[in-house]
Amino acid sequence: MKTVLALRHITFEDLGVFAAPLQEAGYRIDYCDVGIERIDDQAADKADLLVLLGGPAGAYEGALYPFLNQELAIARARLAAQKPILGICLGAQIMALALGAKVAPGPAKEIGWKKLQLTPQGENGLLQAFRDIPVLHWHGDRFELPPGAVNLAWTDICPYQAFTIGHCALGFQCHPEADGALIDRWLIGHACELSGAGVNVNTVRDHTRKYDAATAGAGAACIRAWVGGFGG
């Protein structure tokens, strides 16, 4: 059986709606809870697909969170070897930083549901299912486009929302994997951030109920197409 190793930084930011299509494609999913469990470099190298999930730390904060330095090294090696790797939010920032792109705070936090503006490459490729479909955004940092990457989407706050590098690397700044049925875990876990950013919790909850089903379908379609592209 093919394997997915997902490096998880906070328990409720998991593979979400991406899990089922990956399992349908024949993958067994293993999680490593970073900061609790040791990251096994060998397991990360051998996994058929490595996923770097989201989290509240900054990709550039390795001095504070040393595990980030290990993740950067793992991502750099995997990207160089052109082995399948998926990054979501912090994970995509780690991928970008590993390739020499800048990661830094954006002009404002982007939290809540919003449509992606698709580039021609996104609209005619992996992100076509997201045409006119809002996705969940939850970040303060953003990345510049890594060398050799193709930008797939953008928003008014964030010029690079998704990118590919070749056929085997995919990064999302947004959270198309988020399972709306579990949104209250996000709202509780990030309560301080929401309060500080002046985000209305009930608005996020209401928009989740409204948009979740369509977004989950689009996310599943995107992942199926992507893993199919490298023999998944």
Protein backbone atom coordinates (compact mmCIF):
# COMPACT_ATOMS: atom_id res chain seq x y z
CA MET A 1 0.00 0.00 0.00
CA LYS A 2 1.17 3.53 -0.79
CA THR A 3 1.79 5.77 2.20
CA VAL A 4 1.12 9.38 3.13
CA LEU A 5 3.12 10.87 5.97
CA ALA A 6 1.46 14.06 7.22
CA LEU A 7 3.41 16.32 9.58
CA ARG A 8 0.74 17.82 11.83
CA HIS A 9 1.49 20.92 13.93
CA ILE A 10 -1.86 21.35 15.69
CA THR A 11 -4.37 18.53 16.12
CA PHE A 12 -7.41 20.06 14.41
CA GLU A 13 -5.46 21.11 11.29
CA ASP A 14 -5.32 17.66 9.71
CA LEU A 15 -5.94 16.38 6.19
CA GLY A 16 -9.65 17.01 6.58
CA VAL A 17 -11.58 16.49 3.34
CA PHE A 18 -8.37 15.49 1.53
CA ALA A 19 -8.18 12.24 3.54
CA ALA A 20 -10.98 10.33 1.81
CA PRO A 21 -9.80 10.87 -1.79
CA LEU A 22 -6.25 9.93 -0.78
CA GLN A 23 -7.50 6.73 0.82
CA GLU A 24 -9.66 6.02 -2.24
CA ALA A 25 -6.49 6.38 -4.34
CA GLY A 26 -4.88 3.61 -2.29
CA TYR A 27 -2.91 5.54 0.33
CA ARG A 28 -2.53 4.69 4.00
CA ILE A 29 -2.33 7.89 6.04
CA ASP A 30 0.12 8.22 8.91
CA TYR A 31 0.43 11.34 11.06
CA CYS A 32 3.44 12.64 12.93
CA ASP A 33 2.41 15.14 15.60
CA VAL A 34 5.31 17.57 15.44
CA GLY A 35 6.53 18.78 18.82
CA ILE A 36 5.19 15.63 20.47
CA GLU A 37 6.67 12.95 18.26
CA ARG A 38 10.12 12.88 16.68
CA ILE A 39 10.15 13.50 12.94
CA ASP A 40 11.71 10.46 11.31
CA ASP A 41 13.82 11.68 8.38
CA GLN A 42 13.91 8.20 6.87
CA ALA A 43 10.13 7.80 7.05
CA ALA A 44 9.69 11.25 5.48
CA ASP A 45 11.99 10.24 2.63
CA LYS A 46 10.35 6.86 2.04
CA ALA A 47 6.72 8.04 2.13
CA ASP A 48 5.06 8.02 -1.27
CA LEU A 49 3.55 11.41 -0.42
CA LEU A 50 4.73 13.85 2.25
CA VAL A 51 2.26 16.45 3.52
CA LEU A 52 3.26 19.49 5.57
CA LEU A 53 0.12 20.75 7.30
CA GLY A 54 -0.81 24.13 8.73
CA GLY A 55 -0.06 25.69 12.10
CA PRO A 56 0.28 29.02 13.88
CA ALA A 57 4.09 29.27 13.87
CA GLY A 58 6.00 31.19 11.20
CA ALA A 59 8.07 29.16 8.75
CA TYR A 60 11.01 31.48 9.52
CA GLU A 61 10.86 30.89 13.31
CA GLY A 62 13.31 28.01 13.46
CA ALA A 63 15.20 29.66 16.32
CA LEU A 64 12.05 29.41 18.43
CA TYR A 65 10.71 26.13 17.06
CA PRO A 66 13.69 23.98 16.02
CA PHE A 67 11.51 21.34 14.36
CA LEU A 68 10.94 23.88 11.59
CA ASN A 69 14.61 23.65 10.65
CA GLN A 70 14.24 19.89 10.24
CA GLU A 71 11.09 20.33 8.16
CA LEU A 72 12.87 22.84 5.93
CA ALA A 73 15.69 20.37 5.33
CA ILE A 74 13.22 17.55 4.62
CA ALA A 75 11.24 19.73 2.21
CA ARG A 76 14.39 20.92 0.45
CA ALA A 77 15.61 17.36 -0.09
CA ARG A 78 12.24 16.11 -1.24
CA LEU A 79 11.76 18.97 -3.68
CA ALA A 80 15.25 18.41 -5.09
CA ALA A 81 14.45 14.74 -5.58
CA GLN A 82 11.10 15.60 -7.21
CA LYS A 83 9.20 13.35 -4.84
CA PRO A 84 5.51 14.15 -4.21
CA ILE A 85 5.00 16.82 -1.54
CA LEU A 86 1.92 18.80 -0.54
CA GLY A 87 2.05 21.90 1.66
CA ILE A 88 -0.92 23.66 3.26
CA CYS A 89 -0.59 27.15 4.78
CA LEU A 90 2.49 26.83 7.03
CA GLY A 91 3.43 23.77 4.99
CA ALA A 92 3.39 25.74 1.73
CA GLN A 93 5.40 28.50 3.40
CA ILE A 94 8.00 25.92 4.45
CA MET A 95 8.19 24.68 0.86
CA ALA A 96 8.61 28.23 -0.44
CA LEU A 97 11.28 29.05 2.14
CA ALA A 98 13.12 25.81 1.36
CA LEU A 99 13.36 26.99 -2.25
CA GLY A 100 14.71 30.41 -1.30
CA ALA A 101 11.50 32.44 -1.54
CA LYS A 102 10.64 35.07 1.05
CA VAL A 103 8.07 34.30 3.76
CA ALA A 104 6.92 37.22 5.92
CA PRO A 105 3.83 38.78 7.51
CA GLY A 106 1.33 40.10 4.99
CA PRO A 107 -0.40 43.49 5.13
CA ALA A 108 -3.32 42.03 7.11
CA LYS A 109 -4.60 38.74 8.43
CA GLU A 110 -6.78 36.89 5.96
CA ILE A 111 -9.32 34.88 7.95
CA GLY A 112 -12.68 33.70 6.68
CA TRP A 113 -14.31 32.42 3.51
CA LYS A 114 -13.44 34.04 0.21
CA LYS A 115 -13.31 33.05 -3.46
CA LEU A 116 -9.96 32.46 -5.11
CA GLN A 117 -9.05 34.43 -8.20
CA LEU A 118 -7.68 31.78 -10.52
CA THR A 119 -4.82 32.31 -12.93
CA PRO A 120 -5.20 30.72 -16.39
CA GLN A 121 -3.00 27.84 -15.21
CA GLY A 122 -5.23 27.31 -12.17
CA GLU A 123 -8.52 27.65 -14.00
CA ASN A 124 -7.51 25.28 -16.78
CA GLY A 125 -5.71 22.86 -14.46
CA LEU A 126 -5.83 21.57 -10.91
CA LEU A 127 -7.99 24.36 -9.46
CA GLN A 128 -10.73 24.35 -12.07
CA ALA A 129 -13.20 22.90 -9.54
CA PHE A 130 -12.68 26.02 -7.38
CA ARG A 131 -14.10 28.38 -9.99
CA ASP A 132 -16.53 30.64 -8.05
CA ILE A 133 -16.18 28.45 -4.92
CA PRO A 134 -15.17 30.19 -1.66
CA VAL A 135 -12.45 28.54 0.43
CA LEU A 136 -11.36 29.02 4.02
CA HIS A 137 -8.45 31.40 4.57
CA TRP A 138 -6.59 31.56 7.87
CA HIS A 139 -3.17 33.17 7.81
CA GLY A 140 -1.16 36.25 8.65
CA ASP A 141 2.06 35.34 6.83
CA ARG A 142 2.41 34.84 3.10
CA PHE A 143 5.07 33.59 0.71
CA GLU A 144 6.60 34.94 -2.46
CA LEU A 145 6.42 32.65 -5.47
CA PRO A 146 9.33 30.19 -5.35
CA PRO A 147 11.71 29.97 -8.32
CA GLY A 148 10.33 27.63 -10.94
CA ALA A 149 6.83 27.61 -9.45
CA VAL A 150 3.59 28.30 -11.33
CA ASN A 151 1.05 30.51 -9.57
CA LEU A 152 -2.47 29.07 -9.65
CA ALA A 153 -4.51 31.57 -7.65
CA TRP A 154 -4.52 34.86 -5.76
CA THR A 155 -6.67 37.13 -3.59
CA ASP A 156 -6.62 40.86 -2.91
CA ILE A 157 -4.50 40.33 0.21
CA CYS A 158 -2.33 37.49 -1.00
CA PRO A 159 -0.90 37.45 -4.55
CA TYR A 160 0.12 33.78 -4.36
CA GLN A 161 -2.52 31.43 -2.97
CA ALA A 162 -1.50 28.18 -4.64
CA PHE A 163 1.41 26.94 -6.70
CA THR A 164 2.81 23.90 -8.39
CA ILE A 165 6.38 22.95 -9.17
CA GLY A 166 6.50 20.30 -11.85
CA HIS A 167 3.99 17.48 -11.35
CA CYS A 168 4.89 16.46 -7.81
CA ALA A 169 4.81 19.62 -5.64
CA LEU A 170 1.63 21.48 -4.70
CA GLY A 171 1.28 24.28 -2.15
CA PHE A 172 -1.79 26.09 -0.81
CA GLN A 173 -1.76 29.26 1.27
CA CYS A 174 -5.49 28.80 1.87
CA HIS A 175 -7.22 25.82 3.52
CA PRO A 176 -9.17 23.83 0.91
CA GLU A 177 -8.68 20.77 3.12
CA ALA A 178 -10.64 22.17 6.09
CA ASP A 179 -13.58 20.02 7.20
CA GLY A 180 -16.44 22.40 7.93
CA ALA A 181 -18.07 19.91 10.29
CA LEU A 182 -15.16 20.55 12.66
CA ILE A 183 -14.98 24.34 12.31
CA ASP A 184 -15.65 24.90 15.99
CA ARG A 185 -12.31 23.26 16.78
CA TRP A 186 -10.67 26.00 14.70
CA LEU A 187 -12.76 28.71 16.34
CA ILE A 188 -11.88 27.52 19.82
CA GLY A 189 -8.23 26.76 19.09
CA HIS A 190 -7.64 30.16 17.47
CA ALA A 191 -9.92 32.20 19.76
CA CYS A 192 -7.18 34.65 20.76
CA GLU A 193 -6.14 35.25 17.17
CA LEU A 194 -9.75 35.80 16.10
CA SER A 195 -10.32 38.29 18.88
CA GLY A 196 -7.11 40.17 18.13
CA ALA A 197 -7.95 40.36 14.43
CA GLY A 198 -11.51 41.51 15.06
CA VAL A 199 -13.01 38.55 13.20
CA ASN A 200 -16.65 37.75 13.93
CA VAL A 201 -16.81 34.12 15.03
CA ASN A 202 -20.48 33.73 14.14
CA THR A 203 -19.83 35.03 10.63
CA VAL A 204 -17.12 32.41 10.07
CA ARG A 205 -19.43 29.71 11.44
CA ASP A 206 -22.36 30.81 9.27
CA HIS A 207 -20.23 31.01 6.13
CA THR A 208 -18.86 27.55 6.87
CA ARG A 209 -22.37 26.10 6.89
CA LYS A 210 -23.11 27.89 3.61
CA TYR A 211 -19.98 27.01 1.64
CA ASP A 212 -18.54 23.85 3.14
CA ALA A 213 -20.23 21.23 0.96
CA ALA A 214 -19.21 22.85 -2.33
CA THR A 215 -15.67 23.49 -1.12
CA ALA A 216 -15.26 19.92 0.11
CA GLY A 217 -16.27 18.63 -3.32
CA ALA A 218 -13.85 20.95 -5.07
CA GLY A 219 -11.03 19.97 -2.73
CA ALA A 220 -11.60 16.28 -3.31
CA ALA A 221 -11.65 16.79 -7.09
CA CYS A 222 -8.40 18.76 -6.94
CA ILE A 223 -6.55 16.14 -4.91
CA ARG A 224 -7.80 13.29 -7.08
CA ALA A 225 -6.54 15.08 -10.19
CA TRP A 226 -3.20 15.89 -8.59
CA VAL A 227 -2.32 12.42 -7.28
CA GLY A 228 -3.52 10.97 -10.57
CA GLY A 229 -0.99 13.17 -12.35
CA PHE A 230 1.98 11.48 -10.70
CA GLY A 231 0.62 7.96 -10.78
CA GLY A 232 -1.37 8.17 -7.54
